[in-house]
Amino acid sequence: MTTTLIHLDDALIAADKPAGLLAVPGRGPDKADCLAVRVQALHADALIVHRLDMATSGLIVFGRGAAMQRALSIAFAERRVDKTYVAIVDGLVADDEGEVNLPMICDWPNRPRQRVDHQHGKPSRTRWRVLERDPERGRTRIALQPVTGRSHQLRVHLMAIGHAMLGDELYAPPDVAAAAPRLLLHASRLQLAHPSTGDALDLHSPPPF
């Protein structure tokens, strides 16, 4: 499988992760193949800055060397990186845009699942905007901007408002999970300041669905 690089310079690399590939190695030799290993085979100084779920495709950024990795990691932690995802969800979303503000926590007995928990959950916020409605098939293409970065945040938030993502075997009802051959969630855009120059960097990866 070819490793697609979206951006390459002396400070950072942006790669396009396919669905079904780990971002970093998992436990055991059967989980050794991952995007980080593939990118490092091309550029040995590439150090991963953030991750995507195995089922999610799209943009992942690597810093070239420890200093660039640290600078980029701080930018992500301080929410100075604007992230946009595209998903296809079940049902026709009524409003054109909105925000989900529901606290989340790990569902420990059912790991790796997460859940909404108003008492113990951490603040979690997602902005969304409808891109296209498909009345014939009863689904909606939607752009998502996570303000916070909780694990599985986009999947849980969309499920919580009644619009589970197609192909989501972890959260969607069986018929919705079976409606696509993969999770229809893609990290399509990252906007950030270049860690060396400070120039605005706008990275794009079109959804493969």
C-alpha atoms as a PDB file:
ATOM      1  CA  MET A   1       0.000   0.000   0.000  1.00  0.00           C
ATOM      2  CA  THR A   2       1.450   3.395  -1.021  1.00  0.00           C
ATOM      3  CA  THR A   3       2.013   6.029   1.665  1.00  0.00           C
ATOM      4  CA  THR A   4       0.539   9.302   0.437  1.00  0.00           C
ATOM      5  CA  LEU A   5       2.277  12.448   1.656  1.00  0.00           C
ATOM      6  CA  ILE A   6       0.175  15.615   1.442  1.00  0.00           C
ATOM      7  CA  HIS A   7       2.914  18.002   2.565  1.00  0.00           C
ATOM      8  CA  LEU A   8       6.670  17.673   3.018  1.00  0.00           C
ATOM      9  CA  ASP A   9       9.247  20.233   4.124  1.00  0.00           C
ATOM     10  CA  ASP A  10      12.188  20.497   6.531  1.00  0.00           C
ATOM     11  CA  ALA A  11       9.957  20.955   9.594  1.00  0.00           C
ATOM     12  CA  LEU A  12       6.922  18.751   9.127  1.00  0.00           C
ATOM     13  CA  ILE A  13       5.201  16.041   7.124  1.00  0.00           C
ATOM     14  CA  ALA A  14       1.479  15.566   6.605  1.00  0.00           C
ATOM     15  CA  ALA A  15       0.395  12.090   5.539  1.00  0.00           C
ATOM     16  CA  ASP A  16      -2.951  10.647   4.478  1.00  0.00           C
ATOM     17  CA  LYS A  17      -3.847   7.657   6.659  1.00  0.00           C
ATOM     18  CA  PRO A  18      -6.119   5.060   5.046  1.00  0.00           C
ATOM     19  CA  ALA A  19      -9.010   3.597   7.036  1.00  0.00           C
ATOM     20  CA  GLY A  20      -8.085   0.360   8.786  1.00  0.00           C
ATOM     21  CA  LEU A  21      -4.439   1.281   9.357  1.00  0.00           C
ATOM     22  CA  LEU A  22      -3.130   2.040  12.851  1.00  0.00           C
ATOM     23  CA  ALA A  23      -1.555   5.461  13.410  1.00  0.00           C
ATOM     24  CA  VAL A  24       1.133   4.009  15.723  1.00  0.00           C
ATOM     25  CA  PRO A  25       2.157   0.421  16.474  1.00  0.00           C
ATOM     26  CA  GLY A  26      -0.163  -1.652  18.643  1.00  0.00           C
ATOM     27  CA  ARG A  27       0.705  -4.539  20.939  1.00  0.00           C
ATOM     28  CA  GLY A  28       2.019  -7.654  19.247  1.00  0.00           C
ATOM     29  CA  PRO A  29       3.764  -8.309  15.934  1.00  0.00           C
ATOM     30  CA  ASP A  30       0.447  -8.404  14.052  1.00  0.00           C
ATOM     31  CA  LYS A  31      -0.042  -4.708  14.915  1.00  0.00           C
ATOM     32  CA  ALA A  32       3.434  -3.523  13.947  1.00  0.00           C
ATOM     33  CA  ASP A  33       2.364  -2.080  10.586  1.00  0.00           C
ATOM     34  CA  CYS A  34       1.141   1.500  10.979  1.00  0.00           C
ATOM     35  CA  LEU A  35       1.342   4.931   9.399  1.00  0.00           C
ATOM     36  CA  ALA A  36       4.199   6.060  11.674  1.00  0.00           C
ATOM     37  CA  VAL A  37       6.400   3.138  10.630  1.00  0.00           C
ATOM     38  CA  ARG A  38       5.599   3.678   6.949  1.00  0.00           C
ATOM     39  CA  VAL A  39       6.391   7.402   7.079  1.00  0.00           C
ATOM     40  CA  GLN A  40       9.602   6.782   9.067  1.00  0.00           C
ATOM     41  CA  ALA A  41      10.701   4.324   6.381  1.00  0.00           C
ATOM     42  CA  LEU A  42      10.682   7.287   3.988  1.00  0.00           C
ATOM     43  CA  HIS A  43      11.886   9.959   6.434  1.00  0.00           C
ATOM     44  CA  ALA A  44      13.614   8.592   9.541  1.00  0.00           C
ATOM     45  CA  ASP A  45      13.253  11.836  11.548  1.00  0.00           C
ATOM     46  CA  ALA A  46       9.430  11.846  11.345  1.00  0.00           C
ATOM     47  CA  LEU A  47       7.833  11.867  14.827  1.00  0.00           C
ATOM     48  CA  ILE A  48       4.070  11.596  15.181  1.00  0.00           C
ATOM     49  CA  VAL A  49       2.236  14.567  16.732  1.00  0.00           C
ATOM     50  CA  HIS A  50      -1.380  13.362  17.018  1.00  0.00           C
ATOM     51  CA  ARG A  51      -3.447  10.317  16.126  1.00  0.00           C
ATOM     52  CA  LEU A  52      -6.605   9.154  14.407  1.00  0.00           C
ATOM     53  CA  ASP A  53      -8.709   6.123  15.262  1.00  0.00           C
ATOM     54  CA  MET A  54      -7.809   3.047  13.206  1.00  0.00           C
ATOM     55  CA  ALA A  55     -11.215   3.205  11.473  1.00  0.00           C
ATOM     56  CA  THR A  56     -10.848   6.904  10.571  1.00  0.00           C
ATOM     57  CA  SER A  57      -8.954   8.064   7.491  1.00  0.00           C
ATOM     58  CA  GLY A  58      -7.266  11.358   6.738  1.00  0.00           C
ATOM     59  CA  LEU A  59      -4.559  13.823   7.687  1.00  0.00           C
ATOM     60  CA  ILE A  60      -1.932  13.134  10.335  1.00  0.00           C
ATOM     61  CA  VAL A  61       0.989  15.488  11.026  1.00  0.00           C
ATOM     62  CA  PHE A  62       4.564  14.496  11.888  1.00  0.00           C
ATOM     63  CA  GLY A  63       7.276  16.780  13.206  1.00  0.00           C
ATOM     64  CA  ARG A  64      10.745  16.334  11.739  1.00  0.00           C
ATOM     65  CA  GLY A  65      12.867  15.923  14.851  1.00  0.00           C
ATOM     66  CA  ALA A  66      12.054  16.410  18.523  1.00  0.00           C
ATOM     67  CA  ALA A  67      11.934  20.231  18.468  1.00  0.00           C
ATOM     68  CA  MET A  68       9.398  20.356  15.644  1.00  0.00           C
ATOM     69  CA  GLN A  69       7.364  17.546  17.211  1.00  0.00           C
ATOM     70  CA  ARG A  70       7.259  19.477  20.493  1.00  0.00           C
ATOM     71  CA  ALA A  71       6.240  22.755  18.827  1.00  0.00           C
ATOM     72  CA  LEU A  72       3.455  21.061  16.881  1.00  0.00           C
ATOM     73  CA  SER A  73       2.282  19.080  19.917  1.00  0.00           C
ATOM     74  CA  ILE A  74       1.948  22.310  21.908  1.00  0.00           C
ATOM     75  CA  ALA A  75      -0.036  23.909  19.069  1.00  0.00           C
ATOM     76  CA  PHE A  76      -2.467  20.970  19.089  1.00  0.00           C
ATOM     77  CA  ALA A  77      -2.720  20.973  22.901  1.00  0.00           C
ATOM     78  CA  GLU A  78      -3.410  24.712  22.989  1.00  0.00           C
ATOM     79  CA  ARG A  79      -6.122  24.356  20.294  1.00  0.00           C
ATOM     80  CA  ARG A  80      -4.224  26.498  17.792  1.00  0.00           C
ATOM     81  CA  VAL A  81      -4.914  23.933  15.066  1.00  0.00           C
ATOM     82  CA  ASP A  82      -8.297  24.043  13.309  1.00  0.00           C
ATOM     83  CA  LYS A  83      -9.425  20.529  12.376  1.00  0.00           C
ATOM     84  CA  THR A  84     -12.230  19.709   9.949  1.00  0.00           C
ATOM     85  CA  TYR A  85     -13.640  16.228   9.375  1.00  0.00           C
ATOM     86  CA  VAL A  86     -16.204  15.031   6.868  1.00  0.00           C
ATOM     87  CA  ALA A  87     -18.660  12.276   7.784  1.00  0.00           C
ATOM     88  CA  ILE A  88     -21.786  10.676   6.375  1.00  0.00           C
ATOM     89  CA  VAL A  89     -24.412  10.120   9.051  1.00  0.00           C
ATOM     90  CA  ASP A  90     -27.689   8.279   9.246  1.00  0.00           C
ATOM     91  CA  GLY A  91     -30.864  10.324   8.837  1.00  0.00           C
ATOM     92  CA  LEU A  92     -31.574  13.803   7.529  1.00  0.00           C
ATOM     93  CA  VAL A  93     -30.094  16.403   9.878  1.00  0.00           C
ATOM     94  CA  ALA A  94     -32.766  19.080  10.329  1.00  0.00           C
ATOM     95  CA  ASP A  95     -30.725  22.227  10.994  1.00  0.00           C
ATOM     96  CA  ASP A  96     -27.991  23.544   8.716  1.00  0.00           C
ATOM     97  CA  GLU A  97     -25.432  23.940  11.489  1.00  0.00           C
ATOM     98  CA  GLY A  98     -25.077  23.619  15.216  1.00  0.00           C
ATOM     99  CA  GLU A  99     -22.963  22.567  18.156  1.00  0.00           C
ATOM    100  CA  VAL A 100     -22.917  19.517  20.435  1.00  0.00           C
ATOM    101  CA  ASN A 101     -21.768  20.240  23.974  1.00  0.00           C
ATOM    102  CA  LEU A 102     -21.932  16.968  25.900  1.00  0.00           C
ATOM    103  CA  PRO A 103     -19.355  15.838  28.501  1.00  0.00           C
ATOM    104  CA  MET A 104     -17.689  12.486  27.840  1.00  0.00           C
ATOM    105  CA  ILE A 105     -15.961   9.748  29.808  1.00  0.00           C
ATOM    106  CA  CYS A 106     -14.494   6.326  29.053  1.00  0.00           C
ATOM    107  CA  ASP A 107     -17.063   3.529  29.352  1.00  0.00           C
ATOM    108  CA  TRP A 108     -14.677   1.340  31.381  1.00  0.00           C
ATOM    109  CA  PRO A 109     -16.657  -1.929  31.349  1.00  0.00           C
ATOM    110  CA  ASN A 110     -16.969  -1.621  27.558  1.00  0.00           C
ATOM    111  CA  ARG A 111     -13.576  -0.246  26.540  1.00  0.00           C
ATOM    112  CA  PRO A 112     -12.603   1.244  24.126  1.00  0.00           C
ATOM    113  CA  ARG A 113     -16.115   2.709  23.994  1.00  0.00           C
ATOM    114  CA  GLN A 114     -16.719   6.203  25.348  1.00  0.00           C
ATOM    115  CA  ARG A 115     -20.019   7.626  26.578  1.00  0.00           C
ATOM    116  CA  VAL A 116     -21.765  10.854  27.525  1.00  0.00           C
ATOM    117  CA  ASP A 117     -21.722  11.402  31.290  1.00  0.00           C
ATOM    118  CA  HIS A 118     -23.146  14.657  32.651  1.00  0.00           C
ATOM    119  CA  GLN A 119     -21.851  14.034  36.173  1.00  0.00           C
ATOM    120  CA  HIS A 120     -18.301  12.778  35.646  1.00  0.00           C
ATOM    121  CA  GLY A 121     -17.518  13.474  31.979  1.00  0.00           C
ATOM    122  CA  LYS A 122     -14.931  15.953  30.700  1.00  0.00           C
ATOM    123  CA  PRO A 123     -16.195  18.971  28.728  1.00  0.00           C
ATOM    124  CA  SER A 124     -16.501  17.997  25.054  1.00  0.00           C
ATOM    125  CA  ARG A 125     -17.592  20.255  22.213  1.00  0.00           C
ATOM    126  CA  THR A 126     -18.174  19.665  18.496  1.00  0.00           C
ATOM    127  CA  ARG A 127     -19.322  22.155  15.859  1.00  0.00           C
ATOM    128  CA  TRP A 128     -21.072  20.793  12.776  1.00  0.00           C
ATOM    129  CA  ARG A 129     -22.380  22.020   9.424  1.00  0.00           C
ATOM    130  CA  VAL A 130     -24.491  20.208   6.837  1.00  0.00           C
ATOM    131  CA  LEU A 131     -22.804  19.835   3.444  1.00  0.00           C
ATOM    132  CA  GLU A 132     -25.458  17.796   1.616  1.00  0.00           C
ATOM    133  CA  ARG A 133     -28.672  15.917   2.397  1.00  0.00           C
ATOM    134  CA  ASP A 134     -29.645  12.751   0.524  1.00  0.00           C
ATOM    135  CA  PRO A 135     -33.408  12.293   1.044  1.00  0.00           C
ATOM    136  CA  GLU A 136     -33.562   9.180  -1.152  1.00  0.00           C
ATOM    137  CA  ARG A 137     -31.048   7.292   0.959  1.00  0.00           C
ATOM    138  CA  GLY A 138     -31.884   8.991   4.243  1.00  0.00           C
ATOM    139  CA  ARG A 139     -28.395  10.240   5.032  1.00  0.00           C
ATOM    140  CA  THR A 140     -26.476  13.504   5.443  1.00  0.00           C
ATOM    141  CA  ARG A 141     -22.938  14.562   4.556  1.00  0.00           C
ATOM    142  CA  ILE A 142     -21.654  16.774   7.339  1.00  0.00           C
ATOM    143  CA  ALA A 143     -18.543  18.797   8.227  1.00  0.00           C
ATOM    144  CA  LEU A 144     -17.351  18.468  11.818  1.00  0.00           C
ATOM    145  CA  GLN A 145     -14.986  20.690  13.810  1.00  0.00           C
ATOM    146  CA  PRO A 146     -13.939  19.287  17.189  1.00  0.00           C
ATOM    147  CA  VAL A 147     -13.255  22.105  19.646  1.00  0.00           C
ATOM    148  CA  THR A 148     -12.022  19.574  22.203  1.00  0.00           C
ATOM    149  CA  GLY A 149     -10.223  16.345  21.346  1.00  0.00           C
ATOM    150  CA  ARG A 150     -11.754  13.521  23.353  1.00  0.00           C
ATOM    151  CA  SER A 151     -11.366   9.945  22.187  1.00  0.00           C
ATOM    152  CA  HIS A 152     -14.192   9.000  19.773  1.00  0.00           C
ATOM    153  CA  GLN A 153     -15.715  12.447  20.373  1.00  0.00           C
ATOM    154  CA  LEU A 154     -17.204  12.949  16.912  1.00  0.00           C
ATOM    155  CA  ARG A 155     -18.698   9.463  16.783  1.00  0.00           C
ATOM    156  CA  VAL A 156     -20.244   9.697  20.254  1.00  0.00           C
ATOM    157  CA  HIS A 157     -21.579  13.224  19.776  1.00  0.00           C
ATOM    158  CA  LEU A 158     -23.256  12.452  16.462  1.00  0.00           C
ATOM    159  CA  MET A 159     -24.766   9.274  17.878  1.00  0.00           C
ATOM    160  CA  ALA A 160     -26.005  11.249  20.902  1.00  0.00           C
ATOM    161  CA  ILE A 161     -28.014  13.629  18.696  1.00  0.00           C
ATOM    162  CA  GLY A 162     -29.538  10.738  16.761  1.00  0.00           C
ATOM    163  CA  HIS A 163     -27.285  10.653  13.687  1.00  0.00           C
ATOM    164  CA  ALA A 164     -24.807   7.784  14.005  1.00  0.00           C
ATOM    165  CA  MET A 165     -22.066   7.548  11.387  1.00  0.00           C
ATOM    166  CA  LEU A 166     -22.413   5.003   8.612  1.00  0.00           C
ATOM    167  CA  GLY A 167     -20.071   2.046   9.000  1.00  0.00           C
ATOM    168  CA  ASP A 168     -19.465   2.697  12.716  1.00  0.00           C
ATOM    169  CA  GLU A 169     -19.283  -0.801  14.187  1.00  0.00           C
ATOM    170  CA  LEU A 170     -18.608   0.521  17.692  1.00  0.00           C
ATOM    171  CA  TYR A 171     -21.521   2.927  18.182  1.00  0.00           C
ATOM    172  CA  ALA A 172     -24.064   2.714  15.368  1.00  0.00           C
ATOM    173  CA  PRO A 173     -27.096   0.402  15.340  1.00  0.00           C
ATOM    174  CA  PRO A 174     -26.434  -2.793  13.300  1.00  0.00           C
ATOM    175  CA  ASP A 175     -28.226  -1.584  10.163  1.00  0.00           C
ATOM    176  CA  VAL A 176     -26.298   1.716  10.148  1.00  0.00           C
ATOM    177  CA  ALA A 177     -22.995  -0.042  10.889  1.00  0.00           C
ATOM    178  CA  ALA A 178     -23.623  -2.369   7.936  1.00  0.00           C
ATOM    179  CA  ALA A 179     -24.592   0.476   5.577  1.00  0.00           C
ATOM    180  CA  ALA A 180     -20.954   1.138   4.562  1.00  0.00           C
ATOM    181  CA  PRO A 181     -17.829  -1.031   4.207  1.00  0.00           C
ATOM    182  CA  ARG A 182     -15.900   1.284   6.555  1.00  0.00           C
ATOM    183  CA  LEU A 183     -16.479   4.101   9.018  1.00  0.00           C
ATOM    184  CA  LEU A 184     -17.408   7.125   6.913  1.00  0.00           C
ATOM    185  CA  LEU A 185     -15.298   9.643   8.829  1.00  0.00           C
ATOM    186  CA  HIS A 186     -12.324  11.443   7.281  1.00  0.00           C
ATOM    187  CA  ALA A 187      -9.937  14.102   8.630  1.00  0.00           C
ATOM    188  CA  SER A 188     -10.075  16.383   5.602  1.00  0.00           C
ATOM    189  CA  ARG A 189      -8.440  19.671   6.641  1.00  0.00           C
ATOM    190  CA  LEU A 190      -5.862  21.019   9.101  1.00  0.00           C
ATOM    191  CA  GLN A 191      -5.141  24.735   9.459  1.00  0.00           C
ATOM    192  CA  LEU A 192      -2.155  25.777  11.565  1.00  0.00           C
ATOM    193  CA  ALA A 193       0.855  28.068  11.775  1.00  0.00           C
ATOM    194  CA  HIS A 194       4.006  26.556  10.339  1.00  0.00           C
ATOM    195  CA  PRO A 195       6.283  25.738  13.313  1.00  0.00           C
ATOM    196  CA  SER A 196       9.376  27.236  11.688  1.00  0.00           C
ATOM    197  CA  THR A 197       8.112  30.215   9.707  1.00  0.00           C
ATOM    198  CA  GLY A 198       4.820  31.051  11.390  1.00  0.00           C
ATOM    199  CA  ASP A 199       3.140  31.190   7.977  1.00  0.00           C
ATOM    200  CA  ALA A 200      -0.434  29.949   7.698  1.00  0.00           C
ATOM    201  CA  LEU A 201      -0.546  26.337   6.531  1.00  0.00           C
ATOM    202  CA  ASP A 202      -3.769  24.920   5.109  1.00  0.00           C
ATOM    203  CA  LEU A 203      -3.635  21.150   4.497  1.00  0.00           C
ATOM    204  CA  HIS A 204      -6.351  19.321   2.538  1.00  0.00           C
ATOM    205  CA  SER A 205      -7.265  15.696   1.910  1.00  0.00           C
ATOM    206  CA  PRO A 206     -10.499  15.051  -0.016  1.00  0.00           C
ATOM    207  CA  PRO A 207     -12.754  12.369   1.503  1.00  0.00           C
ATOM    208  CA  PRO A 208     -12.541   9.032  -0.347  1.00  0.00           C
ATOM    209  CA  PHE A 209     -16.315   8.545  -0.014  1.00  0.00           C
END
